[in-house]
Amino acid sequence: MSIWRVILSIFCPPLAVIDKGCGSFVITFLLWLCGWVPGVIAALVILNNPER
């Protein structure tokens, strides 16, 4: 996880996970619409997952 991804996930979480797959993007986008904090948390969790 690079520092640029972390910064991008703070400002616009869906853009940070766009290359992780459509499901990750949709989940992060919906959580981001519900609130900024859930979207950021979801993006950081997805980016920190070593299996993907």
Protein backbone atom coordinates (compact mmCIF):
# COMPACT_ATOMS: atom_id res chain seq x y z
CA MET A 1 0.00 0.00 0.00
CA SER A 2 1.64 3.21 -1.14
CA ILE A 3 1.31 6.62 0.44
CA TRP A 4 -0.49 7.88 -2.68
CA ARG A 5 -3.20 5.25 -2.29
CA VAL A 6 -3.69 6.25 1.35
CA ILE A 7 -3.98 9.92 0.41
CA LEU A 8 -6.38 9.09 -2.41
CA SER A 9 -8.47 6.91 -0.10
CA ILE A 10 -8.82 9.83 2.31
CA PHE A 11 -10.01 12.28 -0.34
CA CYS A 12 -11.97 9.96 -2.67
CA PRO A 13 -12.15 6.34 -1.47
CA PRO A 14 -13.78 4.81 -4.58
CA LEU A 15 -10.93 5.99 -6.80
CA ALA A 16 -8.37 4.35 -4.52
CA VAL A 17 -9.90 0.88 -4.96
CA ILE A 18 -10.95 1.11 -8.60
CA ASP A 19 -8.36 -1.47 -9.73
CA LYS A 20 -9.35 -3.98 -7.02
CA GLY A 21 -12.48 -5.06 -8.87
CA CYS A 22 -16.02 -3.97 -9.50
CA GLY A 23 -17.37 -5.33 -6.20
CA SER A 24 -14.84 -3.45 -4.11
CA PHE A 25 -15.54 -0.26 -6.03
CA VAL A 26 -19.32 -0.56 -5.62
CA ILE A 27 -19.14 -1.36 -1.90
CA THR A 28 -16.75 1.50 -1.24
CA PHE A 29 -18.84 3.88 -3.33
CA LEU A 30 -22.05 3.00 -1.49
CA LEU A 31 -20.39 3.35 1.90
CA TRP A 32 -18.89 6.66 0.77
CA LEU A 33 -22.36 7.89 -0.16
CA CYS A 34 -23.63 6.92 3.30
CA GLY A 35 -20.84 8.85 4.94
CA TRP A 36 -17.26 9.85 4.44
CA VAL A 37 -15.82 7.86 7.36
CA PRO A 38 -17.29 4.45 6.38
CA GLY A 39 -15.99 4.91 2.84
CA VAL A 40 -12.49 5.73 4.03
CA ILE A 41 -12.45 2.78 6.42
CA ALA A 42 -13.66 0.40 3.71
CA ALA A 43 -11.06 1.66 1.25
CA LEU A 44 -8.24 1.28 3.76
CA VAL A 45 -9.38 -2.24 4.68
CA ILE A 46 -9.57 -3.27 1.02
CA LEU A 47 -6.17 -1.76 0.26
CA ASN A 48 -4.59 -3.40 3.30
CA ASN A 49 -5.84 -6.89 2.41
CA PRO A 50 -2.75 -8.92 1.38
CA GLU A 51 -4.79 -11.57 -0.48
CA ARG A 52 -5.95 -9.17 -3.23
